[in-house]
Amino acid sequence: MRLCILMSLSASLSYCIFIDKDYNVAMEDETSETSLLTTTSRKGYRNCTRDTAIIDKLLNGTGYSKFRIPRDDGVKVSVEFWIQAITSINEITNDFEMDIYINEMWMDPSLNFENLNPCKQNLSLNHQVLDRLWTPNSCFINSKFAEIHDSPFKNVFLMLYPNGTVWVNYRVNVKGPCSLSLELFPLDIQECFLIYESFNYNNQEVQMRWSENPNPVATMSPIVLPDFDLIKVSPTLVTAPYPAGWWDELHVRLTFERRYIWYFMQAYLPTYLTIFISWISFSLGPRAIPARTMLGVNALLAMIFQFGNIMRNLPRVSYIKAIGEKFLPFLVKTLAGCS
């Protein structure tokens, strides 16, 4: 179902450039005496109103203001996230980076154009028209970095429905914080989170809500990371107090489980084999002191070198990780083989 939506989204984006060019040309050719342009649509409807004329009528002929909240009782904004990719999780800076589609939908009665006999059932537009409309001014308030993709053009899609419903889609690259704790490394589970809210309006003016879709935060494809598996995505709605009132916050918590097979093969398995080799000295007899000493010392040096090589590639923290706590018992067992 999502694939079909994305395919239609791509088609709308490609058509968006056509609408923008057509709109600019129409504005240049339009005279002050003509308020609405009529034409015959591709479906054969006569005397229907073209997209450019509808936009001009809504934004220029009705006293529309982008600074006026559409409804006196507050605007309900429905939000949905599509996670395109999670590119990295950094234990050093305690953050993660991902590309995400942000979908927002709300009702603006001032943009109702059902009475204009539109040629199309909805209008596909771009960010230039969006800049002239009221928006909830929402953002990730806890992000370290966020920007809208702009290659080859600004990745913003706008669709207007005849009843005044506004649907906006942004493709955003965002870097957010993670609460990384490595005490259980490499058998650890980590959490990263984002908070999305309206920056300017409290919940008396804008009510932020997750989409009624059963899965308002969805992944567009399987998330593949070198060290982690995404095991859970938890969207929640939180009302937070501020000096200017209460704000609706949409929280997204991403839970990651570390892939430990590499650490088992590179750290635990060689260390166990080294310990077993050191215990061969027990079978050499009490008179083979040089052989027992050489075997035990070599095993001890091999284990220290192996452990040091592993620790060099691990995140540096001020506390002991679980993999470090295993080193002391391994060392004692190896020394036992030297005695």
Protein backbone atom coordinates (compact mmCIF):
# COMPACT_ATOMS: atom_id res chain seq x y z
CA MET A 1 0.00 0.00 0.00
CA ARG A 2 2.84 2.38 0.84
CA LEU A 3 4.57 1.60 -2.44
CA CYS A 4 1.55 2.77 -4.39
CA ILE A 5 1.50 5.99 -2.37
CA LEU A 6 5.14 6.62 -3.06
CA MET A 7 4.69 5.97 -6.76
CA SER A 8 1.89 8.48 -6.90
CA LEU A 9 4.01 10.85 -4.85
CA SER A 10 6.81 10.66 -7.38
CA ALA A 11 4.38 11.31 -10.20
CA SER A 12 2.99 14.30 -8.38
CA LEU A 13 6.45 15.71 -7.79
CA SER A 14 7.32 15.45 -11.47
CA TYR A 15 4.06 17.17 -12.33
CA CYS A 16 4.75 19.82 -9.71
CA ILE A 17 7.42 21.42 -11.91
CA PHE A 18 4.90 21.68 -14.75
CA ILE A 19 2.37 23.37 -12.50
CA ASP A 20 4.95 25.86 -11.27
CA LYS A 21 6.02 26.84 -14.76
CA ASP A 22 2.42 27.05 -15.92
CA TYR A 23 1.57 29.17 -12.91
CA ASN A 24 4.34 31.68 -13.60
CA VAL A 25 3.37 31.98 -17.26
CA ALA A 26 -0.29 32.40 -16.40
CA MET A 27 0.49 35.14 -13.89
CA GLU A 28 2.49 37.05 -16.50
CA ASP A 29 -0.22 36.78 -19.13
CA GLU A 30 -3.17 37.38 -16.84
CA THR A 31 -4.83 40.79 -16.97
CA SER A 32 -6.46 42.61 -14.09
CA GLU A 33 -9.91 42.18 -15.65
CA THR A 34 -9.66 38.36 -15.61
CA SER A 35 -10.04 36.78 -12.18
CA LEU A 36 -10.72 33.21 -13.23
CA LEU A 37 -9.49 31.30 -16.28
CA THR A 38 -11.74 28.61 -17.67
CA THR A 39 -10.83 25.79 -19.98
CA THR A 40 -11.71 22.27 -20.98
CA SER A 41 -9.99 19.65 -18.83
CA ARG A 42 -8.35 16.51 -20.17
CA LYS A 43 -11.33 14.53 -18.91
CA GLY A 44 -13.70 16.59 -21.04
CA TYR A 45 -15.23 18.88 -18.41
CA ARG A 46 -16.10 22.24 -19.96
CA ASN A 47 -15.90 25.58 -18.18
CA CYS A 48 -13.79 24.17 -15.37
CA THR A 49 -11.26 26.32 -13.50
CA ARG A 50 -7.57 25.79 -14.06
CA ASP A 51 -5.07 25.29 -11.22
CA THR A 52 -3.38 28.64 -11.73
CA ALA A 53 -6.66 30.49 -11.55
CA ILE A 54 -7.70 28.63 -8.40
CA ILE A 55 -4.45 29.52 -6.63
CA ASP A 56 -4.76 33.14 -7.70
CA LYS A 57 -8.37 33.30 -6.50
CA LEU A 58 -7.59 31.68 -3.12
CA LEU A 59 -4.48 33.67 -2.27
CA ASN A 60 -5.11 37.01 -3.97
CA GLY A 61 -8.85 37.42 -4.24
CA THR A 62 -10.10 36.48 -0.77
CA GLY A 63 -7.84 38.40 1.61
CA TYR A 64 -6.01 35.23 2.63
CA SER A 65 -3.21 35.74 5.19
CA LYS A 66 -0.51 33.19 6.00
CA PHE A 67 -0.23 34.70 9.49
CA ARG A 68 -3.85 34.00 10.48
CA ILE A 69 -4.64 30.66 12.12
CA PRO A 70 -7.26 28.90 9.93
CA ARG A 71 -9.65 28.03 12.78
CA ASP A 72 -10.57 29.90 15.96
CA ASP A 73 -10.96 26.65 17.91
CA GLY A 74 -7.49 25.42 16.93
CA VAL A 75 -6.09 23.43 14.04
CA LYS A 76 -5.65 19.68 14.30
CA VAL A 77 -2.48 18.60 12.49
CA SER A 78 -2.17 14.90 11.62
CA VAL A 79 1.45 13.72 11.36
CA GLU A 80 3.00 10.61 9.88
CA PHE A 81 6.68 9.66 9.43
CA TRP A 82 8.20 7.41 6.77
CA ILE A 83 11.74 6.39 7.69
CA GLN A 84 13.71 6.09 4.48
CA ALA A 85 17.11 5.15 5.94
CA ILE A 86 19.14 5.27 9.14
CA THR A 87 22.69 5.93 8.03
CA SER A 88 24.70 5.86 11.26
CA ILE A 89 24.76 5.54 15.05
CA ASN A 90 27.77 7.18 16.67
CA GLU A 91 28.82 6.05 20.16
CA ILE A 92 31.36 8.86 20.44
CA THR A 93 28.94 11.76 19.88
CA ASN A 94 25.85 9.89 21.17
CA ASP A 95 23.67 10.56 18.14
CA PHE A 96 22.18 8.97 15.05
CA GLU A 97 21.41 10.20 11.54
CA MET A 98 18.55 9.31 9.24
CA ASP A 99 16.54 10.39 6.20
CA ILE A 100 12.83 10.67 6.80
CA TYR A 101 9.63 11.76 5.03
CA ILE A 102 7.45 14.00 7.21
CA ASN A 103 3.76 14.07 6.31
CA GLU A 104 1.48 16.74 7.77
CA MET A 105 -2.23 17.19 7.06
CA TRP A 106 -4.66 19.80 8.33
CA MET A 107 -7.86 21.58 7.32
CA ASP A 108 -7.81 25.22 6.19
CA PRO A 109 -11.38 26.39 5.37
CA SER A 110 -10.01 29.47 3.60
CA LEU A 111 -8.55 27.19 0.91
CA ASN A 112 -11.83 25.48 0.04
CA PHE A 113 -12.32 25.64 -3.75
CA GLU A 114 -15.21 23.23 -4.30
CA ASN A 115 -17.38 26.09 -5.59
CA LEU A 116 -14.82 27.00 -8.29
CA ASN A 117 -15.53 23.91 -10.43
CA PRO A 118 -11.88 22.75 -10.55
CA CYS A 119 -10.58 20.82 -13.54
CA LYS A 120 -8.79 18.39 -11.20
CA GLN A 121 -9.87 16.90 -7.91
CA ASN A 122 -6.71 18.08 -6.16
CA LEU A 123 -3.84 20.48 -6.82
CA SER A 124 -0.22 19.27 -6.79
CA LEU A 125 2.10 22.18 -5.99
CA ASN A 126 5.59 22.93 -4.71
CA HIS A 127 7.34 24.83 -1.91
CA GLN A 128 6.88 28.23 -3.60
CA VAL A 129 3.13 28.01 -3.08
CA LEU A 130 3.62 26.54 0.40
CA ASP A 131 5.58 29.64 1.40
CA ARG A 132 2.38 31.64 0.85
CA LEU A 133 0.21 29.41 3.06
CA TRP A 134 -0.25 29.13 6.80
CA THR A 135 1.72 26.24 8.30
CA PRO A 136 2.04 24.95 11.89
CA ASN A 137 5.79 25.74 11.87
CA SER A 138 6.65 22.33 13.29
CA CYS A 139 10.19 21.04 13.79
CA PHE A 140 12.37 18.57 15.70
CA ILE A 141 13.09 20.53 18.86
CA ASN A 142 15.79 18.16 20.16
CA SER A 143 17.66 17.56 16.90
CA LYS A 144 21.34 18.41 16.57
CA PHE A 145 20.90 19.08 12.87
CA ALA A 146 18.02 18.99 10.39
CA GLU A 147 17.58 20.18 6.81
CA ILE A 148 15.28 19.58 3.86
CA HIS A 149 16.94 17.82 0.93
CA ASP A 150 17.42 20.18 -2.00
CA SER A 151 18.90 18.01 -4.75
CA PRO A 152 18.03 18.57 -7.56
CA PHE A 153 15.31 20.83 -6.10
CA LYS A 154 13.82 21.44 -2.68
CA ASN A 155 12.12 18.17 -1.67
CA VAL A 156 8.77 19.60 -0.57
CA PHE A 157 5.45 18.35 -1.93
CA LEU A 158 2.15 20.17 -1.43
CA MET A 159 -1.34 18.95 -2.28
CA LEU A 160 -4.56 20.92 -1.85
CA TYR A 161 -7.93 19.16 -1.78
CA PRO A 162 -11.21 20.87 -2.78
CA ASN A 163 -12.55 20.81 0.80
CA GLY A 164 -9.55 22.82 2.06
CA THR A 165 -7.44 19.93 3.31
CA VAL A 166 -3.71 20.63 3.05
CA TRP A 167 -1.19 17.79 2.75
CA VAL A 168 2.52 18.60 2.96
CA ASN A 169 5.40 16.16 2.57
CA TYR A 170 9.02 17.00 3.41
CA ARG A 171 12.08 14.84 2.82
CA VAL A 172 14.44 15.67 5.67
CA ASN A 173 17.90 14.65 6.86
CA VAL A 174 17.99 14.80 10.66
CA LYS A 175 20.56 14.02 13.34
CA GLY A 176 19.12 13.28 16.78
CA PRO A 177 20.39 12.30 20.24
CA CYS A 178 20.80 8.81 21.66
CA SER A 179 21.02 7.73 25.31
CA LEU A 180 23.88 5.27 24.86
CA SER A 181 24.91 3.10 27.79
CA LEU A 182 27.70 0.57 27.22
CA GLU A 183 27.78 -1.29 30.55
CA LEU A 184 26.37 -4.40 28.84
CA PHE A 185 28.48 -4.06 25.68
CA PRO A 186 28.40 -6.04 23.36
CA LEU A 187 25.03 -7.43 24.49
CA ASP A 188 23.55 -3.96 24.87
CA ILE A 189 20.30 -2.40 23.65
CA GLN A 190 20.33 1.32 22.83
CA GLU A 191 17.60 3.92 22.39
CA CYS A 192 17.48 7.06 20.23
CA PHE A 193 14.64 9.56 20.19
CA LEU A 194 13.20 12.59 18.43
CA ILE A 195 10.63 15.17 19.55
CA TYR A 196 8.42 16.86 16.95
CA GLU A 197 6.18 19.80 17.79
CA SER A 198 4.88 23.15 16.61
CA PHE A 199 7.49 25.76 17.44
CA ASN A 200 5.14 28.77 17.53
CA TYR A 201 1.71 27.52 18.59
CA ASN A 202 0.54 25.92 21.85
CA ASN A 203 -2.16 23.26 21.94
CA GLN A 204 -4.91 25.87 22.19
CA GLU A 205 -4.00 26.93 18.67
CA VAL A 206 -2.47 23.78 17.12
CA GLN A 207 -3.15 20.21 18.25
CA MET A 208 -0.43 17.88 17.02
CA ARG A 209 -1.65 14.30 16.61
CA TRP A 210 -0.27 11.11 15.17
CA SER A 211 -2.03 9.86 12.07
CA GLU A 212 -4.90 7.43 12.59
CA ASN A 213 -2.90 4.98 10.52
CA PRO A 214 -2.13 1.91 12.72
CA ASN A 215 1.56 2.51 12.02
CA PRO A 216 2.17 6.30 12.02
CA VAL A 217 5.95 5.82 12.01
CA ALA A 218 6.84 3.31 9.31
CA THR A 219 10.02 2.13 7.62
CA MET A 220 9.99 2.27 3.84
CA SER A 221 12.54 -0.57 3.59
CA PRO A 222 14.43 -2.86 6.00
CA ILE A 223 16.90 -0.85 8.10
CA VAL A 224 20.41 -2.28 7.69
CA LEU A 225 23.24 -1.05 9.94
CA PRO A 226 26.72 -2.58 10.44
CA ASP A 227 26.41 -2.95 14.24
CA PHE A 228 22.71 -2.67 15.08
CA ASP A 229 19.27 -4.04 14.28
CA LEU A 230 16.22 -1.80 14.62
CA ILE A 231 13.88 -3.86 16.81
CA LYS A 232 11.20 -1.37 17.84
CA VAL A 233 9.72 2.02 16.91
CA SER A 234 7.52 3.64 19.57
CA PRO A 235 5.49 6.78 18.72
CA THR A 236 3.84 8.57 21.66
CA LEU A 237 1.99 11.84 22.29
CA VAL A 238 3.15 13.97 25.24
CA THR A 239 1.78 17.28 26.50
CA ALA A 240 4.61 19.43 27.86
CA PRO A 241 4.36 22.66 29.89
CA TYR A 242 6.08 25.86 28.75
CA PRO A 243 5.87 29.43 30.11
CA ALA A 244 3.53 30.32 27.21
CA GLY A 245 1.19 27.35 27.73
CA TRP A 246 1.02 23.63 26.96
CA TRP A 247 2.50 22.16 23.80
CA ASP A 248 1.71 18.86 22.08
CA GLU A 249 4.89 16.88 21.47
CA LEU A 250 5.14 13.85 19.20
CA HIS A 251 7.86 11.54 20.51
CA VAL A 252 9.54 8.82 18.47
CA ARG A 253 11.73 6.32 20.30
CA LEU A 254 13.89 3.98 18.22
CA THR A 255 15.26 0.87 19.93
CA PHE A 256 18.38 -0.81 18.54
CA GLU A 257 19.95 -4.15 19.46
CA ARG A 258 23.66 -4.62 18.84
CA ARG A 259 24.87 -7.40 16.58
CA TYR A 260 27.25 -9.34 18.83
CA ILE A 261 28.36 -12.16 16.51
CA TRP A 262 31.42 -10.23 15.31
CA TYR A 263 32.57 -9.58 18.88
CA PHE A 264 32.03 -13.22 19.79
CA MET A 265 34.12 -14.41 16.85
CA GLN A 266 36.87 -11.81 17.31
CA ALA A 267 37.06 -11.62 21.11
CA TYR A 268 35.39 -14.38 23.08
CA LEU A 269 36.19 -17.39 20.89
CA PRO A 270 39.96 -16.67 20.48
CA THR A 271 40.25 -15.92 24.21
CA TYR A 272 38.62 -19.22 25.18
CA LEU A 273 40.91 -21.08 22.78
CA THR A 274 43.94 -19.37 24.33
CA ILE A 275 42.84 -20.48 27.80
CA PHE A 276 42.36 -24.07 26.64
CA ILE A 277 45.83 -24.06 25.09
CA SER A 278 47.36 -22.78 28.33
CA TRP A 279 45.83 -25.72 30.17
CA ILE A 280 47.78 -28.16 28.04
CA SER A 281 50.64 -27.55 30.48
CA PHE A 282 48.78 -29.67 33.05
CA SER A 283 49.42 -32.75 30.90
CA LEU A 284 53.17 -32.13 30.51
CA GLY A 285 54.13 -33.42 33.95
CA PRO A 286 55.85 -31.72 36.89
CA ARG A 287 59.36 -32.00 35.40
CA ALA A 288 58.58 -30.05 32.17
CA ILE A 289 58.93 -26.69 33.85
CA PRO A 290 60.47 -24.80 30.85
CA ALA A 291 57.79 -26.09 28.48
CA ARG A 292 54.98 -25.30 30.89
CA THR A 293 56.35 -21.82 31.55
CA MET A 294 56.81 -21.04 27.84
CA LEU A 295 53.33 -22.29 26.97
CA GLY A 296 51.68 -20.31 29.77
CA VAL A 297 53.56 -17.08 29.10
CA ASN A 298 52.84 -17.26 25.37
CA ALA A 299 49.15 -17.84 26.06
CA LEU A 300 49.10 -14.91 28.47
CA LEU A 301 50.80 -12.54 26.01
CA ALA A 302 48.52 -13.69 23.19
CA MET A 303 45.44 -12.97 25.30
CA ILE A 304 46.69 -9.51 26.35
CA PHE A 305 47.50 -8.62 22.73
CA GLN A 306 44.13 -9.90 21.53
CA PHE A 307 42.22 -7.98 24.19
CA GLY A 308 44.20 -4.77 23.60
CA ASN A 309 43.53 -4.97 19.86
CA ILE A 310 39.79 -5.26 20.51
CA MET A 311 39.63 -2.46 23.07
CA ARG A 312 41.34 -0.07 20.65
CA ASN A 313 38.32 -0.30 18.32
CA LEU A 314 35.68 0.17 21.04
CA PRO A 315 34.11 3.44 22.25
CA ARG A 316 36.09 5.12 25.01
CA VAL A 317 34.03 5.59 28.16
CA SER A 318 34.90 6.24 31.79
CA TYR A 319 33.28 3.04 33.09
CA ILE A 320 34.00 -0.65 32.57
CA LYS A 321 32.09 -2.42 29.83
CA ALA A 322 30.84 -5.99 30.13
CA ILE A 323 33.49 -7.21 27.71
CA GLY A 324 36.14 -5.67 29.99
CA GLU A 325 34.74 -7.38 33.07
CA LYS A 326 35.37 -10.73 31.38
CA PHE A 327 39.08 -10.01 31.02
CA LEU A 328 40.00 -10.54 34.69
CA PRO A 329 38.51 -14.08 34.95
CA PHE A 330 40.19 -14.97 31.65
CA LEU A 331 43.51 -13.69 33.00
CA VAL A 332 43.18 -15.73 36.20
CA LYS A 333 42.41 -18.90 34.26
CA THR A 334 45.43 -18.34 32.02
CA LEU A 335 47.72 -17.77 35.00
CA ALA A 336 46.39 -20.97 36.52
CA GLY A 337 47.72 -22.80 33.49
CA CYS A 338 51.20 -21.34 34.14
CA SER A 339 51.37 -22.60 37.73
